């Protein structure tokens, strides 16, 4: 067979394709590579079915390089809209471009962006005759529908696809069922862990409450026992001792010589208080 005839426009776009490949891989000038891709796509025919086959291939290759350039510049959010400005509707996207878009948005954890685009492409009758249809259907299931939990939609898509063989359908349905079970288990595991954490917290709080109650009971008994002794202290003596303690701790410097009389007086008061509290109230009388 004779090689395809290149039109002048296709030849210009092909030369641009070589240039953008060098800019992307060798020079890593992503902005310049994107600019050249846009110039090449604009120079080609905008129709998806009326142009020569060589122009369609060059256009697809330019879009692939443009997608890579946008991803390298962290402008992946613009990828889908950028591609659709040259292909206009999702059904006309080349299989290679659609595959790259699905993988890109799956990698950045945004598979919902390709939900409607992939569905429209897979439902198109002309795309079902492509040899890449089965692999793209599997890619769409694994990277878009199943990560989003669209299990019913995945099953309907597989059962309604007449180009798949029975074994392929059963394999896809088995994958969907297995993923659904894993999805359910992952949802139940945090609930079970939360319930166990709540039970453990209640147990710890119960033990702490019991310890706190025991400590309060012992403290109440100690205060009650001490109160029976401290009421014997003279009121003025305790008040003076408290005032002197305040002066020593807050107002005075214990290392200063001027503070020694107050500290001495405070020590005497506390000795008297201790003698009153810990000595018997009634002493037996001494008889000759």
C-alpha atoms as a PDB file:
ATOM      1  CA  UNK A   1       0.000   0.000   0.000  1.00  0.00           C
ATOM      2  CA  UNK A   2       1.174   3.506  -0.764  1.00  0.00           C
ATOM      3  CA  UNK A   3       1.900   5.864   2.152  1.00  0.00           C
ATOM      4  CA  UNK A   4      -0.694   8.464   2.981  1.00  0.00           C
ATOM      5  CA  UNK A   5      -0.332  11.732   1.127  1.00  0.00           C
ATOM      6  CA  UNK A   6       0.480  14.635   3.382  1.00  0.00           C
ATOM      7  CA  UNK A   7      -1.231  17.928   2.765  1.00  0.00           C
ATOM      8  CA  UNK A   8       0.750  21.128   3.349  1.00  0.00           C
ATOM      9  CA  UNK A   9      -1.243  21.800   6.497  1.00  0.00           C
ATOM     10  CA  UNK A  10      -0.598  18.287   7.807  1.00  0.00           C
ATOM     11  CA  UNK A  11       3.103  18.577   7.009  1.00  0.00           C
ATOM     12  CA  UNK A  12       3.285  21.859   8.925  1.00  0.00           C
ATOM     13  CA  UNK A  13       1.500  20.303  11.906  1.00  0.00           C
ATOM     14  CA  UNK A  14       3.823  17.297  11.785  1.00  0.00           C
ATOM     15  CA  UNK A  15       6.863  19.548  11.930  1.00  0.00           C
ATOM     16  CA  UNK A  16       5.270  21.297  14.897  1.00  0.00           C
ATOM     17  CA  UNK A  17       4.786  17.904  16.516  1.00  0.00           C
ATOM     18  CA  UNK A  18       8.496  17.198  16.346  1.00  0.00           C
ATOM     19  CA  UNK A  19       9.224  20.639  17.751  1.00  0.00           C
ATOM     20  CA  UNK A  20       6.840  20.297  20.704  1.00  0.00           C
ATOM     21  CA  UNK A  21       8.257  16.859  21.520  1.00  0.00           C
ATOM     22  CA  UNK A  22      11.714  18.394  21.821  1.00  0.00           C
ATOM     23  CA  UNK A  23      10.370  21.255  23.933  1.00  0.00           C
ATOM     24  CA  UNK A  24       8.552  18.859  26.253  1.00  0.00           C
ATOM     25  CA  UNK A  25      11.170  16.142  26.688  1.00  0.00           C
ATOM     26  CA  UNK A  26      14.534  17.777  26.065  1.00  0.00           C
ATOM     27  CA  UNK A  27      14.092  21.418  27.023  1.00  0.00           C
ATOM     28  CA  UNK A  28      11.166  20.903  29.435  1.00  0.00           C
ATOM     29  CA  UNK A  29       9.712  24.207  28.314  1.00  0.00           C
ATOM     30  CA  UNK A  30       6.110  23.282  28.975  1.00  0.00           C
ATOM     31  CA  UNK A  31       4.601  26.680  28.225  1.00  0.00           C
ATOM     32  CA  UNK A  32       6.279  26.849  24.822  1.00  0.00           C
ATOM     33  CA  UNK A  33       5.261  23.263  24.063  1.00  0.00           C
ATOM     34  CA  UNK A  34       1.638  24.060  24.876  1.00  0.00           C
ATOM     35  CA  UNK A  35       1.744  27.138  22.682  1.00  0.00           C
ATOM     36  CA  UNK A  36       3.086  25.125  19.733  1.00  0.00           C
ATOM     37  CA  UNK A  37       0.410  22.445  20.274  1.00  0.00           C
ATOM     38  CA  UNK A  38      -2.323  25.056  20.121  1.00  0.00           C
ATOM     39  CA  UNK A  39      -0.841  26.522  16.967  1.00  0.00           C
ATOM     40  CA  UNK A  40      -0.703  23.090  15.344  1.00  0.00           C
ATOM     41  CA  UNK A  41      -4.284  22.190  16.311  1.00  0.00           C
ATOM     42  CA  UNK A  42      -5.546  25.534  15.049  1.00  0.00           C
ATOM     43  CA  UNK A  43      -3.839  24.963  11.725  1.00  0.00           C
ATOM     44  CA  UNK A  44      -5.615  21.649  11.197  1.00  0.00           C
ATOM     45  CA  UNK A  45      -9.210  21.191  10.134  1.00  0.00           C
ATOM     46  CA  UNK A  46     -11.688  21.580  12.986  1.00  0.00           C
ATOM     47  CA  UNK A  47     -13.950  18.782  11.747  1.00  0.00           C
ATOM     48  CA  UNK A  48     -13.431  15.381  13.348  1.00  0.00           C
ATOM     49  CA  UNK A  49     -14.545  13.198  10.460  1.00  0.00           C
ATOM     50  CA  UNK A  50     -13.895  15.121   7.269  1.00  0.00           C
ATOM     51  CA  UNK A  51     -10.137  15.556   7.410  1.00  0.00           C
ATOM     52  CA  UNK A  52      -7.531  13.121   6.140  1.00  0.00           C
ATOM     53  CA  UNK A  53      -6.387  10.326   8.402  1.00  0.00           C
ATOM     54  CA  UNK A  54      -2.893  11.777   8.738  1.00  0.00           C
ATOM     55  CA  UNK A  55      -4.284  15.095  10.019  1.00  0.00           C
ATOM     56  CA  UNK A  56      -6.392  13.283  12.617  1.00  0.00           C
ATOM     57  CA  UNK A  57      -3.358  11.385  13.890  1.00  0.00           C
ATOM     58  CA  UNK A  58      -1.233  14.522  14.108  1.00  0.00           C
ATOM     59  CA  UNK A  59      -4.032  16.378  15.880  1.00  0.00           C
ATOM     60  CA  UNK A  60      -4.393  13.569  18.414  1.00  0.00           C
ATOM     61  CA  UNK A  61      -0.650  13.529  19.032  1.00  0.00           C
ATOM     62  CA  UNK A  62      -0.577  17.294  19.515  1.00  0.00           C
ATOM     63  CA  UNK A  63      -3.401  17.037  22.060  1.00  0.00           C
ATOM     64  CA  UNK A  64      -1.562  14.283  23.932  1.00  0.00           C
ATOM     65  CA  UNK A  65       1.536  16.471  24.212  1.00  0.00           C
ATOM     66  CA  UNK A  66      -0.626  19.437  25.239  1.00  0.00           C
ATOM     67  CA  UNK A  67      -2.230  17.385  28.021  1.00  0.00           C
ATOM     68  CA  UNK A  68       1.180  16.392  29.319  1.00  0.00           C
ATOM     69  CA  UNK A  69       2.351  19.996  29.221  1.00  0.00           C
ATOM     70  CA  UNK A  70      -0.686  21.199  31.175  1.00  0.00           C
ATOM     71  CA  UNK A  71      -0.179  18.453  33.754  1.00  0.00           C
ATOM     72  CA  UNK A  72       3.486  19.376  34.165  1.00  0.00           C
ATOM     73  CA  UNK A  73       2.485  22.993  34.810  1.00  0.00           C
ATOM     74  CA  UNK A  74      -0.077  21.830  37.408  1.00  0.00           C
ATOM     75  CA  UNK A  75      -2.898  23.101  35.192  1.00  0.00           C
ATOM     76  CA  UNK A  76      -4.663  19.751  35.070  1.00  0.00           C
ATOM     77  CA  UNK A  77      -8.045  21.380  35.772  1.00  0.00           C
ATOM     78  CA  UNK A  78      -7.915  22.924  32.292  1.00  0.00           C
ATOM     79  CA  UNK A  79      -7.191  19.660  30.469  1.00  0.00           C
ATOM     80  CA  UNK A  80     -10.737  18.581  29.617  1.00  0.00           C
ATOM     81  CA  UNK A  81     -11.929  22.004  28.496  1.00  0.00           C
ATOM     82  CA  UNK A  82      -8.718  22.496  26.524  1.00  0.00           C
ATOM     83  CA  UNK A  83      -9.220  19.220  24.645  1.00  0.00           C
ATOM     84  CA  UNK A  84     -12.905  19.814  23.980  1.00  0.00           C
ATOM     85  CA  UNK A  85     -12.199  23.128  22.285  1.00  0.00           C
ATOM     86  CA  UNK A  86     -10.640  21.121  19.456  1.00  0.00           C
ATOM     87  CA  UNK A  87     -13.037  18.130  19.425  1.00  0.00           C
ATOM     88  CA  UNK A  88     -16.176  19.994  20.581  1.00  0.00           C
ATOM     89  CA  UNK A  89     -18.142  16.989  21.891  1.00  0.00           C
ATOM     90  CA  UNK A  90     -17.004  14.048  24.069  1.00  0.00           C
ATOM     91  CA  UNK A  91     -18.074  11.404  21.531  1.00  0.00           C
ATOM     92  CA  UNK A  92     -15.431  12.650  19.060  1.00  0.00           C
ATOM     93  CA  UNK A  93     -12.493  12.359  21.443  1.00  0.00           C
ATOM     94  CA  UNK A  94      -9.820   9.924  20.241  1.00  0.00           C
ATOM     95  CA  UNK A  95      -9.474   6.852  22.416  1.00  0.00           C
ATOM     96  CA  UNK A  96      -5.906   7.784  23.351  1.00  0.00           C
ATOM     97  CA  UNK A  97      -6.963  11.259  24.493  1.00  0.00           C
ATOM     98  CA  UNK A  98      -9.886   9.857  26.493  1.00  0.00           C
ATOM     99  CA  UNK A  99      -7.625   7.285  28.142  1.00  0.00           C
ATOM    100  CA  UNK A 100      -5.102   9.933  29.130  1.00  0.00           C
ATOM    101  CA  UNK A 101      -7.809  12.191  30.574  1.00  0.00           C
ATOM    102  CA  UNK A 102      -9.298   9.365  32.661  1.00  0.00           C
ATOM    103  CA  UNK A 103      -5.904   8.416  34.065  1.00  0.00           C
ATOM    104  CA  UNK A 104      -5.000  12.037  34.789  1.00  0.00           C
ATOM    105  CA  UNK A 105      -8.175  12.915  36.696  1.00  0.00           C
ATOM    106  CA  UNK A 106      -8.031   9.599  38.534  1.00  0.00           C
ATOM    107  CA  UNK A 107      -4.485  10.351  39.664  1.00  0.00           C
ATOM    108  CA  UNK A 108      -5.459  13.771  41.035  1.00  0.00           C
ATOM    109  CA  UNK A 109      -8.461  12.230  42.865  1.00  0.00           C
ATOM    110  CA  UNK A 110     -11.059  13.994  40.690  1.00  0.00           C
ATOM    111  CA  UNK A 111     -12.700  11.103  38.774  1.00  0.00           C
ATOM    112  CA  UNK A 112     -16.104  12.814  38.748  1.00  0.00           C
ATOM    113  CA  UNK A 113     -14.822  15.187  36.065  1.00  0.00           C
ATOM    114  CA  UNK A 114     -14.832  12.305  33.572  1.00  0.00           C
ATOM    115  CA  UNK A 115     -18.171  10.848  34.651  1.00  0.00           C
ATOM    116  CA  UNK A 116     -20.396  12.387  31.958  1.00  0.00           C
ATOM    117  CA  UNK A 117     -17.677  12.538  29.304  1.00  0.00           C
ATOM    118  CA  UNK A 118     -16.822   8.859  29.614  1.00  0.00           C
ATOM    119  CA  UNK A 119     -20.459   7.815  29.682  1.00  0.00           C
ATOM    120  CA  UNK A 120     -21.238   9.772  26.519  1.00  0.00           C
ATOM    121  CA  UNK A 121     -18.219   8.339  24.717  1.00  0.00           C
ATOM    122  CA  UNK A 122     -19.018   4.733  25.670  1.00  0.00           C
ATOM    123  CA  UNK A 123     -22.681   5.016  24.658  1.00  0.00           C
ATOM    124  CA  UNK A 124     -21.826   6.278  21.185  1.00  0.00           C
ATOM    125  CA  UNK A 125     -22.455   3.574  18.576  1.00  0.00           C
ATOM    126  CA  UNK A 126     -19.523   4.551  16.361  1.00  0.00           C
ATOM    127  CA  UNK A 127     -17.098   4.167  19.261  1.00  0.00           C
ATOM    128  CA  UNK A 128     -18.320   0.650  20.052  1.00  0.00           C
ATOM    129  CA  UNK A 129     -16.728  -0.623  16.865  1.00  0.00           C
ATOM    130  CA  UNK A 130     -13.260   0.536  17.899  1.00  0.00           C
ATOM    131  CA  UNK A 131     -10.804  -2.166  19.041  1.00  0.00           C
ATOM    132  CA  UNK A 132      -9.939  -0.053  22.114  1.00  0.00           C
ATOM    133  CA  UNK A 133     -13.544   0.042  23.327  1.00  0.00           C
ATOM    134  CA  UNK A 134     -13.233  -2.885  25.764  1.00  0.00           C
ATOM    135  CA  UNK A 135     -10.096  -1.545  27.416  1.00  0.00           C
ATOM    136  CA  UNK A 136     -11.610   1.932  27.746  1.00  0.00           C
ATOM    137  CA  UNK A 137     -14.771   0.461  29.244  1.00  0.00           C
ATOM    138  CA  UNK A 138     -12.673  -1.343  31.847  1.00  0.00           C
ATOM    139  CA  UNK A 139     -10.644   1.815  32.486  1.00  0.00           C
ATOM    140  CA  UNK A 140     -13.826   3.843  32.969  1.00  0.00           C
ATOM    141  CA  UNK A 141     -15.213   1.263  35.416  1.00  0.00           C
ATOM    142  CA  UNK A 142     -12.051   0.949  37.518  1.00  0.00           C
ATOM    143  CA  UNK A 143     -11.031   4.613  37.622  1.00  0.00           C
ATOM    144  CA  UNK A 144     -14.328   6.524  37.471  1.00  0.00           C
ATOM    145  CA  UNK A 145     -17.482   4.599  38.371  1.00  0.00           C
ATOM    146  CA  UNK A 146     -16.187   2.269  41.094  1.00  0.00           C
ATOM    147  CA  UNK A 147     -14.125   4.892  42.997  1.00  0.00           C
ATOM    148  CA  UNK A 148     -17.259   7.069  43.058  1.00  0.00           C
ATOM    149  CA  UNK A 149     -19.440   4.218  44.321  1.00  0.00           C
ATOM    150  CA  UNK A 150     -21.606   4.172  41.176  1.00  0.00           C
ATOM    151  CA  UNK A 151     -22.179   0.423  41.340  1.00  0.00           C
ATOM    152  CA  UNK A 152     -25.668   0.336  39.860  1.00  0.00           C
ATOM    153  CA  UNK A 153     -24.598   2.512  36.954  1.00  0.00           C
ATOM    154  CA  UNK A 154     -21.593   0.253  36.384  1.00  0.00           C
ATOM    155  CA  UNK A 155     -23.766  -2.852  36.306  1.00  0.00           C
ATOM    156  CA  UNK A 156     -26.229  -1.230  33.899  1.00  0.00           C
ATOM    157  CA  UNK A 157     -23.394  -0.157  31.629  1.00  0.00           C
ATOM    158  CA  UNK A 158     -21.909  -3.651  31.503  1.00  0.00           C
ATOM    159  CA  UNK A 159     -25.231  -5.461  31.021  1.00  0.00           C
ATOM    160  CA  UNK A 160     -26.317  -3.010  28.338  1.00  0.00           C
ATOM    161  CA  UNK A 161     -23.109  -3.312  26.343  1.00  0.00           C
ATOM    162  CA  UNK A 162     -23.768  -5.639  23.419  1.00  0.00           C
ATOM    163  CA  UNK A 163     -20.179  -5.662  22.166  1.00  0.00           C
ATOM    164  CA  UNK A 164     -18.876  -7.502  25.216  1.00  0.00           C
ATOM    165  CA  UNK A 165     -18.772 -11.250  25.278  1.00  0.00           C
ATOM    166  CA  UNK A 166     -20.488 -13.196  28.034  1.00  0.00           C
ATOM    167  CA  UNK A 167     -17.205 -14.022  29.769  1.00  0.00           C
ATOM    168  CA  UNK A 168     -16.154 -10.372  29.715  1.00  0.00           C
ATOM    169  CA  UNK A 169     -19.478  -9.307  31.175  1.00  0.00           C
ATOM    170  CA  UNK A 170     -19.235 -11.849  33.974  1.00  0.00           C
ATOM    171  CA  UNK A 171     -15.683 -10.762  34.751  1.00  0.00           C
ATOM    172  CA  UNK A 172     -16.713  -7.100  34.910  1.00  0.00           C
ATOM    173  CA  UNK A 173     -19.755  -7.888  37.064  1.00  0.00           C
ATOM    174  CA  UNK A 174     -17.559  -9.924  39.414  1.00  0.00           C
ATOM    175  CA  UNK A 175     -15.176  -6.991  39.754  1.00  0.00           C
ATOM    176  CA  UNK A 176     -18.091  -4.665  40.508  1.00  0.00           C
ATOM    177  CA  UNK A 177     -19.475  -7.031  43.163  1.00  0.00           C
ATOM    178  CA  UNK A 178     -16.076  -7.428  44.817  1.00  0.00           C
ATOM    179  CA  UNK A 179     -15.512  -3.674  44.885  1.00  0.00           C
ATOM    180  CA  UNK A 180     -18.976  -3.129  46.348  1.00  0.00           C
ATOM    181  CA  UNK A 181     -18.172  -5.536  49.201  1.00  0.00           C
ATOM    182  CA  UNK A 182     -14.871  -3.782  49.887  1.00  0.00           C
ATOM    183  CA  UNK A 183     -16.659  -0.411  49.812  1.00  0.00           C
ATOM    184  CA  UNK A 184     -19.207  -1.647  52.380  1.00  0.00           C
ATOM    185  CA  UNK A 185     -16.508  -3.071  54.661  1.00  0.00           C
ATOM    186  CA  UNK A 186     -14.548   0.174  54.563  1.00  0.00           C
ATOM    187  CA  UNK A 187     -17.661   2.072  55.602  1.00  0.00           C
ATOM    188  CA  UNK A 188     -18.426  -0.329  58.440  1.00  0.00           C
ATOM    189  CA  UNK A 189     -14.872  -0.390  59.845  1.00  0.00           C
ATOM    190  CA  UNK A 190     -14.841   3.270  61.017  1.00  0.00           C
ATOM    191  CA  UNK A 191     -18.230   2.764  62.685  1.00  0.00           C
ATOM    192  CA  UNK A 192     -16.998  -0.306  64.561  1.00  0.00           C
ATOM    193  CA  UNK A 193     -13.793   1.455  65.563  1.00  0.00           C
ATOM    194  CA  UNK A 194     -15.804   4.436  66.793  1.00  0.00           C
ATOM    195  CA  UNK A 195     -18.057   2.193  68.865  1.00  0.00           C
ATOM    196  CA  UNK A 196     -15.030   0.468  70.431  1.00  0.00           C
ATOM    197  CA  UNK A 197     -13.473   3.836  71.191  1.00  0.00           C
ATOM    198  CA  UNK A 198     -16.683   5.030  72.846  1.00  0.00           C
ATOM    199  CA  UNK A 199     -16.856   1.861  74.954  1.00  0.00           C
ATOM    200  CA  UNK A 200     -13.214   2.236  76.004  1.00  0.00           C
ATOM    201  CA  UNK A 201     -13.818   5.874  76.880  1.00  0.00           C
ATOM    202  CA  UNK A 202     -16.818   4.981  79.008  1.00  0.00           C
ATOM    203  CA  UNK A 203     -14.761   2.330  80.827  1.00  0.00           C
ATOM    204  CA  UNK A 204     -11.938   4.764  81.541  1.00  0.00           C
ATOM    205  CA  UNK A 205     -14.344   7.464  82.674  1.00  0.00           C
ATOM    206  CA  UNK A 206     -16.098   4.974  84.943  1.00  0.00           C
ATOM    207  CA  UNK A 207     -12.808   3.961  86.564  1.00  0.00           C
ATOM    208  CA  UNK A 208     -11.781   7.596  86.979  1.00  0.00           C
ATOM    209  CA  UNK A 209     -15.143   8.468  88.472  1.00  0.00           C
ATOM    210  CA  UNK A 210     -14.833   5.643  90.997  1.00  0.00           C
ATOM    211  CA  UNK A 211     -11.302   6.762  91.968  1.00  0.00           C
ATOM    212  CA  UNK A 212     -12.439  10.363  92.250  1.00  0.00           C
ATOM    213  CA  UNK A 213     -15.354   9.370  94.454  1.00  0.00           C
ATOM    214  CA  UNK A 214     -13.036   7.377  96.731  1.00  0.00           C
ATOM    215  CA  UNK A 215     -10.588  10.287  96.982  1.00  0.00           C
ATOM    216  CA  UNK A 216     -13.384  12.728  97.814  1.00  0.00           C
ATOM    217  CA  UNK A 217     -14.681  10.390 100.512  1.00  0.00           C
ATOM    218  CA  UNK A 218     -11.238  10.112 102.108  1.00  0.00           C
ATOM    219  CA  UNK A 219     -10.754  13.879 101.863  1.00  0.00           C
ATOM    220  CA  UNK A 220     -14.096  14.518 103.549  1.00  0.00           C
ATOM    221  CA  UNK A 221     -13.172  12.173 106.396  1.00  0.00           C
ATOM    222  CA  UNK A 222      -9.779  13.855 106.806  1.00  0.00           C
ATOM    223  CA  UNK A 223     -11.330  17.317 106.879  1.00  0.00           C
ATOM    224  CA  UNK A 224     -13.945  16.209 109.361  1.00  0.00           C
ATOM    225  CA  UNK A 225     -11.228  14.759 111.624  1.00  0.00           C
ATOM    226  CA  UNK A 226      -9.094  17.896 111.362  1.00  0.00           C
ATOM    227  CA  UNK A 227     -12.021  20.217 111.987  1.00  0.00           C
ATOM    228  CA  UNK A 228     -12.561  18.653 115.396  1.00  0.00           C
ATOM    229  CA  UNK A 229      -9.081  19.900 116.385  1.00  0.00           C
ATOM    230  CA  UNK A 230      -8.747  23.226 114.651  1.00  0.00           C
ATOM    231  CA  UNK A 231     -11.810  24.718 116.307  1.00  0.00           C
ATOM    232  CA  UNK A 232      -9.736  24.777 119.535  1.00  0.00           C
ATOM    233  CA  UNK A 233      -7.328  27.368 118.073  1.00  0.00           C
ATOM    234  CA  UNK A 234      -8.045  30.949 119.120  1.00  0.00           C
ATOM    235  CA  UNK A 235      -9.553  32.959 116.311  1.00  0.00           C
ATOM    236  CA  UNK A 236      -7.224  35.942 116.715  1.00  0.00           C
ATOM    237  CA  UNK A 237      -4.157  33.729 116.786  1.00  0.00           C
ATOM    238  CA  UNK A 238      -5.082  32.024 113.505  1.00  0.00           C
ATOM    239  CA  UNK A 239      -5.923  35.342 111.880  1.00  0.00           C
ATOM    240  CA  UNK A 240      -2.577  36.816 112.933  1.00  0.00           C
ATOM    241  CA  UNK A 241      -0.709  33.741 111.714  1.00  0.00           C
ATOM    242  CA  UNK A 242      -2.443  33.933 108.340  1.00  0.00           C
ATOM    243  CA  UNK A 243      -1.627  37.615 108.025  1.00  0.00           C
ATOM    244  CA  UNK A 244       2.048  37.053 108.894  1.00  0.00           C
ATOM    245  CA  UNK A 245       2.201  34.164 106.411  1.00  0.00           C
ATOM    246  CA  UNK A 246       0.866  36.489 103.738  1.00  0.00           C
ATOM    247  CA  UNK A 247       3.537  39.074 104.578  1.00  0.00           C
ATOM    248  CA  UNK A 248       6.349  36.552 104.446  1.00  0.00           C
ATOM    249  CA  UNK A 249       5.288  34.813 101.233  1.00  0.00           C
ATOM    250  CA  UNK A 250       3.926  37.758  99.230  1.00  0.00           C
ATOM    251  CA  UNK A 251       5.327  40.998 100.611  1.00  0.00           C
ATOM    252  CA  UNK A 252       8.599  40.177 102.314  1.00  0.00           C
ATOM    253  CA  UNK A 253      11.875  38.717 101.187  1.00  0.00           C
ATOM    254  CA  UNK A 254      12.754  35.832 103.563  1.00  0.00           C
ATOM    255  CA  UNK A 255      16.457  36.484 102.966  1.00  0.00           C
ATOM    256  CA  UNK A 256      16.190  40.096 104.120  1.00  0.00           C
ATOM    257  CA  UNK A 257      17.211  40.867 107.775  1.00  0.00           C
ATOM    258  CA  UNK A 258      14.102  43.017 108.245  1.00  0.00           C
ATOM    259  CA  UNK A 259      11.924  39.958 107.705  1.00  0.00           C
ATOM    260  CA  UNK A 260      13.422  37.938 110.584  1.00  0.00           C
ATOM    261  CA  UNK A 261      11.177  39.315 113.397  1.00  0.00           C
ATOM    262  CA  UNK A 262       8.040  38.509 111.456  1.00  0.00           C
ATOM    263  CA  UNK A 263       9.267  35.030 110.588  1.00  0.00           C
ATOM    264  CA  UNK A 264      10.212  34.419 114.237  1.00  0.00           C
ATOM    265  CA  UNK A 265       6.794  35.539 115.412  1.00  0.00           C
ATOM    266  CA  UNK A 266       5.126  33.301 112.822  1.00  0.00           C
ATOM    267  CA  UNK A 267       7.109  30.273 113.994  1.00  0.00           C
ATOM    268  CA  UNK A 268       6.042  30.893 117.591  1.00  0.00           C
ATOM    269  CA  UNK A 269       2.389  31.142 116.610  1.00  0.00           C
ATOM    270  CA  UNK A 270       2.546  27.900 114.663  1.00  0.00           C
ATOM    271  CA  UNK A 271       4.231  26.134 117.569  1.00  0.00           C
ATOM    272  CA  UNK A 272       1.448  27.289 119.853  1.00  0.00           C
ATOM    273  CA  UNK A 273      -1.166  26.132 117.342  1.00  0.00           C
ATOM    274  CA  UNK A 274       0.429  22.719 116.979  1.00  0.00           C
ATOM    275  CA  UNK A 275       0.716  22.321 120.742  1.00  0.00           C
ATOM    276  CA  UNK A 276      -2.963  23.168 121.095  1.00  0.00           C
ATOM    277  CA  UNK A 277      -4.108  20.777 118.351  1.00  0.00           C
ATOM    278  CA  UNK A 278      -1.999  17.746 119.113  1.00  0.00           C
ATOM    279  CA  UNK A 279      -1.918  17.946 122.928  1.00  0.00           C
ATOM    280  CA  UNK A 280      -4.723  16.486 125.115  1.00  0.00           C
ATOM    281  CA  UNK A 281      -7.501  18.909 125.923  1.00  0.00           C
ATOM    282  CA  UNK A 282      -7.881  17.775 129.504  1.00  0.00           C
ATOM    283  CA  UNK A 283      -4.767  17.034 131.423  1.00  0.00           C
ATOM    284  CA  UNK A 284      -5.069  14.912 134.587  1.00  0.00           C
ATOM    285  CA  UNK A 285      -4.548  16.835 137.805  1.00  0.00           C
ATOM    286  CA  UNK A 286      -1.363  16.133 139.767  1.00  0.00           C
ATOM    287  CA  UNK A 287      -1.959  15.132 143.326  1.00  0.00           C
ATOM    288  CA  UNK A 288       0.604  15.240 146.062  1.00  0.00           C
END
